Structures are given as structure tokens and as C-alpha cells.
Amino acid sequence: MKEEHCFWSFNESSVQDVPDDVLIEKVLIYLDLQDIDRLFSIYSFQKVKRVWLDTLVPQQDYYHTLNRFLAWWYFGIKKPDAYLKAMTTRHLNKLLQ
């Protein structure tokens, strides 16, 4: 991931201590399918999905196409648009509570 410059905003020495959720998020956003596939061999399906739901889905407008693809391809969601809308609404409701 360092070779792909995914951590351009991190200090070089701090790259060793990247939290799992940040690592998963950056891979989902910036890397290719092989790297995303590799995530699922390192982390559990539930962990990757939770990071996706907590970090990328709330940014629906910005990552709309990516979220639709991830929902369909990796998470097996049959109706990604409806699912993403529901998850975005759920996230917003949590913020309002």
C-alpha cells in the first residue's frame, strides 16, 4: 500500500501504526480488486463490511458509484440503491439521537 501512495497524508513513521479501520477504508477507496480481495483474507467479512458501512456509506454522494459496486460485488446486496439509502438514513438517525 505504501507503494501505491495510499498513505500520502500520513507521516512516514506513523504508517506502521495505521489502525485497521483506516487501512480497510483506504484499500476500499484507492486500490484495485486484487487488493480488496486480499482484505477479506486478512480481516473478517463482518469487519470489512462494518468499516464500509461506517465510513464510506455515510459519504454516499461522494462515493455513490463505488458504494453501489461494493454493495453488489462484495457484499451480495441485490438492490444496492435501496440498501445504501436505508443505511445512509440509519447513519443520519444515529447522529441525530
N, C-alpha and C. Protein backbone atom coordinates (compact mmCIF):
# COMPACT_ATOMS: atom_id res chain seq x y z
N MET A 1 0.82 -1.19 0.00
CA MET A 1 0.00 0.00 0.00
C MET A 1 0.86 1.25 0.00
N LYS A 2 2.01 1.15 0.64
CA LYS A 2 2.91 2.30 0.60
C LYS A 2 3.35 2.58 -0.83
N GLU A 3 3.58 1.52 -1.60
CA GLU A 3 3.99 1.69 -3.00
C GLU A 3 2.92 2.36 -3.84
N GLU A 4 1.66 2.17 -3.45
CA GLU A 4 0.54 2.78 -4.16
C GLU A 4 0.26 4.20 -3.68
N HIS A 5 1.02 4.67 -2.70
CA HIS A 5 0.89 6.02 -2.13
C HIS A 5 -0.48 6.25 -1.49
N CYS A 6 -1.00 5.21 -0.87
CA CYS A 6 -2.30 5.31 -0.21
C CYS A 6 -2.24 6.12 1.07
N PHE A 7 -1.06 6.24 1.62
CA PHE A 7 -0.91 6.93 2.89
C PHE A 7 -0.19 8.27 2.72
N TRP A 8 -0.48 8.94 1.66
CA TRP A 8 0.18 10.20 1.36
C TRP A 8 -0.04 11.24 2.46
N SER A 9 -1.16 11.14 3.18
CA SER A 9 -1.46 12.14 4.21
C SER A 9 -0.88 11.78 5.57
N PHE A 10 -0.20 10.63 5.68
CA PHE A 10 0.38 10.18 6.94
C PHE A 10 1.88 10.46 6.96
N ASN A 11 2.38 10.73 8.14
CA ASN A 11 3.80 10.83 8.36
C ASN A 11 4.41 9.45 8.10
N GLU A 12 5.56 9.40 7.46
CA GLU A 12 6.18 8.12 7.08
C GLU A 12 6.34 7.17 8.27
N SER A 13 6.73 7.68 9.40
CA SER A 13 6.95 6.81 10.56
C SER A 13 5.63 6.31 11.15
N SER A 14 4.55 7.03 10.96
CA SER A 14 3.27 6.61 11.54
C SER A 14 2.55 5.57 10.69
N VAL A 15 3.04 5.31 9.49
CA VAL A 15 2.39 4.33 8.62
C VAL A 15 2.43 2.93 9.24
N GLN A 16 3.39 2.68 10.08
CA GLN A 16 3.49 1.38 10.74
C GLN A 16 2.34 1.13 11.70
N ASP A 17 1.73 2.20 12.19
CA ASP A 17 0.68 2.10 13.20
C ASP A 17 -0.69 2.49 12.67
N VAL A 18 -0.96 2.23 11.42
CA VAL A 18 -2.25 2.58 10.84
C VAL A 18 -3.32 1.65 11.43
N PRO A 19 -4.38 2.22 11.99
CA PRO A 19 -5.45 1.38 12.55
C PRO A 19 -6.12 0.54 11.45
N ASP A 20 -6.65 -0.58 11.84
CA ASP A 20 -7.29 -1.49 10.88
C ASP A 20 -8.39 -0.81 10.08
N ASP A 21 -9.22 -0.02 10.76
CA ASP A 21 -10.33 0.61 10.05
C ASP A 21 -9.85 1.60 8.99
N VAL A 22 -8.79 2.31 9.25
CA VAL A 22 -8.23 3.24 8.26
C VAL A 22 -7.63 2.46 7.10
N LEU A 23 -6.93 1.40 7.40
CA LEU A 23 -6.35 0.56 6.36
C LEU A 23 -7.44 0.00 5.44
N ILE A 24 -8.49 -0.53 6.03
CA ILE A 24 -9.60 -1.09 5.23
C ILE A 24 -10.24 -0.01 4.38
N GLU A 25 -10.51 1.13 4.98
CA GLU A 25 -11.13 2.24 4.25
C GLU A 25 -10.28 2.65 3.05
N LYS A 26 -8.99 2.83 3.25
CA LYS A 26 -8.10 3.27 2.17
C LYS A 26 -8.02 2.23 1.05
N VAL A 27 -7.98 0.96 1.43
CA VAL A 27 -7.94 -0.09 0.41
C VAL A 27 -9.22 -0.06 -0.42
N LEU A 28 -10.37 0.05 0.25
CA LEU A 28 -11.64 0.08 -0.48
C LEU A 28 -11.72 1.27 -1.43
N ILE A 29 -11.17 2.38 -1.03
CA ILE A 29 -11.27 3.60 -1.85
C ILE A 29 -10.24 3.62 -2.97
N TYR A 30 -9.00 3.31 -2.67
CA TYR A 30 -7.92 3.62 -3.60
C TYR A 30 -7.31 2.44 -4.36
N LEU A 31 -7.49 1.23 -3.87
CA LEU A 31 -6.78 0.13 -4.51
C LEU A 31 -7.70 -0.70 -5.42
N ASP A 32 -7.11 -1.65 -6.09
CA ASP A 32 -7.85 -2.41 -7.10
C ASP A 32 -8.49 -3.66 -6.49
N LEU A 33 -9.16 -4.42 -7.35
CA LEU A 33 -9.93 -5.58 -6.89
C LEU A 33 -9.06 -6.63 -6.21
N GLN A 34 -7.87 -6.85 -6.70
CA GLN A 34 -6.98 -7.83 -6.06
C GLN A 34 -6.66 -7.44 -4.62
N ASP A 35 -6.43 -6.17 -4.41
CA ASP A 35 -6.12 -5.70 -3.06
C ASP A 35 -7.34 -5.78 -2.15
N ILE A 36 -8.51 -5.47 -2.70
CA ILE A 36 -9.74 -5.59 -1.91
C ILE A 36 -9.99 -7.05 -1.58
N ASP A 37 -9.77 -7.94 -2.55
CA ASP A 37 -9.91 -9.37 -2.28
C ASP A 37 -8.98 -9.80 -1.15
N ARG A 38 -7.78 -9.27 -1.14
CA ARG A 38 -6.81 -9.60 -0.11
C ARG A 38 -7.30 -9.17 1.28
N LEU A 39 -8.06 -8.07 1.34
CA LEU A 39 -8.61 -7.63 2.62
C LEU A 39 -9.41 -8.74 3.29
N PHE A 40 -10.19 -9.45 2.48
CA PHE A 40 -11.07 -10.48 3.03
C PHE A 40 -10.30 -11.71 3.50
N SER A 41 -9.04 -11.84 3.10
CA SER A 41 -8.23 -12.93 3.64
C SER A 41 -7.50 -12.49 4.91
N ILE A 42 -7.42 -11.19 5.12
CA ILE A 42 -6.76 -10.66 6.31
C ILE A 42 -7.77 -10.38 7.43
N TYR A 43 -8.89 -9.78 7.06
CA TYR A 43 -9.93 -9.40 8.01
C TYR A 43 -11.21 -10.19 7.74
N SER A 44 -12.05 -10.27 8.74
CA SER A 44 -13.32 -10.98 8.56
C SER A 44 -14.25 -10.17 7.65
N PHE A 45 -15.17 -10.88 7.04
CA PHE A 45 -16.18 -10.25 6.20
C PHE A 45 -16.92 -9.18 6.99
N GLN A 46 -17.29 -9.51 8.23
CA GLN A 46 -18.05 -8.58 9.07
C GLN A 46 -17.25 -7.31 9.36
N LYS A 47 -15.95 -7.45 9.60
CA LYS A 47 -15.10 -6.29 9.90
C LYS A 47 -15.02 -5.36 8.69
N VAL A 48 -14.80 -5.92 7.51
CA VAL A 48 -14.71 -5.10 6.29
C VAL A 48 -16.05 -4.42 6.03
N LYS A 49 -17.12 -5.17 6.17
CA LYS A 49 -18.45 -4.59 5.92
C LYS A 49 -18.76 -3.48 6.92
N ARG A 50 -18.39 -3.68 8.18
CA ARG A 50 -18.65 -2.66 9.21
C ARG A 50 -17.90 -1.37 8.90
N VAL A 51 -16.66 -1.49 8.50
CA VAL A 51 -15.88 -0.29 8.13
C VAL A 51 -16.52 0.39 6.93
N TRP A 52 -16.92 -0.39 5.95
CA TRP A 52 -17.59 0.17 4.77
C TRP A 52 -18.86 0.93 5.18
N LEU A 53 -19.68 0.30 6.01
CA LEU A 53 -20.93 0.93 6.44
C LEU A 53 -20.68 2.18 7.28
N ASP A 54 -19.64 2.16 8.09
CA ASP A 54 -19.38 3.28 8.99
C ASP A 54 -18.66 4.45 8.33
N THR A 55 -17.86 4.18 7.29
CA THR A 55 -17.04 5.25 6.73
C THR A 55 -17.40 5.66 5.31
N LEU A 56 -17.67 4.71 4.44
CA LEU A 56 -17.92 5.06 3.04
C LEU A 56 -19.40 5.32 2.76
N VAL A 57 -20.27 4.49 3.31
CA VAL A 57 -21.70 4.65 3.03
C VAL A 57 -22.23 6.02 3.48
N PRO A 58 -21.82 6.54 4.64
CA PRO A 58 -22.31 7.88 5.02
C PRO A 58 -21.90 8.99 4.04
N GLN A 59 -20.89 8.75 3.24
CA GLN A 59 -20.45 9.73 2.24
C GLN A 59 -21.06 9.38 0.88
N GLN A 60 -22.30 9.00 0.89
CA GLN A 60 -22.98 8.44 -0.27
C GLN A 60 -22.83 9.28 -1.53
N ASP A 61 -23.01 10.56 -1.45
CA ASP A 61 -22.91 11.39 -2.65
C ASP A 61 -21.51 11.32 -3.26
N TYR A 62 -20.51 11.32 -2.43
CA TYR A 62 -19.13 11.33 -2.91
C TYR A 62 -18.70 9.98 -3.47
N TYR A 63 -19.14 8.90 -2.81
CA TYR A 63 -18.72 7.55 -3.21
C TYR A 63 -19.88 6.73 -3.77
N HIS A 64 -20.84 7.36 -4.37
CA HIS A 64 -22.05 6.68 -4.82
C HIS A 64 -21.75 5.47 -5.72
N THR A 65 -20.98 5.67 -6.76
CA THR A 65 -20.69 4.58 -7.70
C THR A 65 -19.88 3.49 -7.03
N LEU A 66 -18.88 3.86 -6.26
CA LEU A 66 -18.07 2.88 -5.54
C LEU A 66 -18.93 2.09 -4.56
N ASN A 67 -19.78 2.76 -3.81
CA ASN A 67 -20.63 2.08 -2.85
C ASN A 67 -21.59 1.11 -3.53
N ARG A 68 -22.14 1.50 -4.65
CA ARG A 68 -23.03 0.60 -5.39
C ARG A 68 -22.28 -0.65 -5.82
N PHE A 69 -21.07 -0.47 -6.32
CA PHE A 69 -20.27 -1.62 -6.75
C PHE A 69 -19.93 -2.53 -5.58
N LEU A 70 -19.42 -1.94 -4.50
CA LEU A 70 -19.05 -2.74 -3.34
C LEU A 70 -20.25 -3.50 -2.78
N ALA A 71 -21.38 -2.83 -2.71
CA ALA A 71 -22.60 -3.47 -2.20
C ALA A 71 -22.96 -4.69 -3.04
N TRP A 72 -22.92 -4.53 -4.33
CA TRP A 72 -23.30 -5.61 -5.24
C TRP A 72 -22.24 -6.71 -5.31
N TRP A 73 -20.99 -6.33 -5.57
CA TRP A 73 -19.94 -7.31 -5.85
C TRP A 73 -19.45 -8.03 -4.59
N TYR A 74 -19.15 -7.26 -3.56
CA TYR A 74 -18.53 -7.86 -2.38
C TYR A 74 -19.51 -8.26 -1.28
N PHE A 75 -20.60 -7.53 -1.16
CA PHE A 75 -21.50 -7.80 -0.05
C PHE A 75 -22.80 -8.48 -0.47
N GLY A 76 -22.93 -8.78 -1.76
CA GLY A 76 -24.05 -9.57 -2.26
C GLY A 76 -25.42 -8.94 -2.08
N ILE A 77 -25.47 -7.63 -2.11
CA ILE A 77 -26.73 -6.92 -1.91
C ILE A 77 -27.45 -6.81 -3.25
N LYS A 78 -28.67 -7.36 -3.30
CA LYS A 78 -29.42 -7.46 -4.56
C LYS A 78 -29.92 -6.10 -5.08
N LYS A 79 -30.30 -5.23 -4.17
CA LYS A 79 -30.81 -3.90 -4.55
C LYS A 79 -29.94 -2.84 -3.86
N PRO A 80 -28.77 -2.58 -4.45
CA PRO A 80 -27.82 -1.69 -3.75
C PRO A 80 -28.33 -0.28 -3.52
N ASP A 81 -29.08 0.28 -4.45
CA ASP A 81 -29.56 1.66 -4.25
C ASP A 81 -30.47 1.77 -3.04
N ALA A 82 -31.41 0.86 -2.91
CA ALA A 82 -32.33 0.87 -1.77
C ALA A 82 -31.57 0.61 -0.46
N TYR A 83 -30.64 -0.32 -0.50
CA TYR A 83 -29.86 -0.64 0.69
C TYR A 83 -29.02 0.55 1.13
N LEU A 84 -28.35 1.17 0.19
CA LEU A 84 -27.50 2.32 0.53
C LEU A 84 -28.31 3.47 1.09
N LYS A 85 -29.47 3.69 0.52
CA LYS A 85 -30.34 4.76 1.02
C LYS A 85 -30.77 4.45 2.46
N ALA A 86 -31.13 3.20 2.71
CA ALA A 86 -31.54 2.81 4.06
C ALA A 86 -30.39 2.95 5.06
N MET A 87 -29.20 2.53 4.66
CA MET A 87 -28.04 2.61 5.56
C MET A 87 -27.63 4.06 5.80
N THR A 88 -27.73 4.90 4.79
CA THR A 88 -27.42 6.32 4.96
C THR A 88 -28.42 6.97 5.92
N THR A 89 -29.69 6.64 5.75
CA THR A 89 -30.72 7.16 6.64
C THR A 89 -30.50 6.68 8.06
N ARG A 90 -30.14 5.40 8.22
CA ARG A 90 -29.87 4.86 9.55
C ARG A 90 -28.70 5.61 10.21
N HIS A 91 -27.66 5.86 9.43
CA HIS A 91 -26.50 6.59 9.96
C HIS A 91 -26.89 7.99 10.39
N LEU A 92 -27.67 8.68 9.58
CA LEU A 92 -28.10 10.04 9.93
C LEU A 92 -28.98 10.03 11.18
N ASN A 93 -29.83 9.04 11.31
CA ASN A 93 -30.69 8.95 12.50
C ASN A 93 -29.86 8.72 13.75
N LYS A 94 -28.78 7.93 13.66
CA LYS A 94 -27.90 7.73 14.81
C LYS A 94 -27.24 9.04 15.23
N LEU A 95 -26.89 9.86 14.25
CA LEU A 95 -26.26 11.14 14.56
C LEU A 95 -27.22 12.10 15.26
N LEU A 96 -28.49 11.98 14.93
CA LEU A 96 -29.50 12.89 15.49
C LEU A 96 -29.94 12.48 16.89
N GLN A 97 -29.65 11.27 17.30
CA GLN A 97 -30.09 10.80 18.62
C GLN A 97 -29.20 11.30 19.72
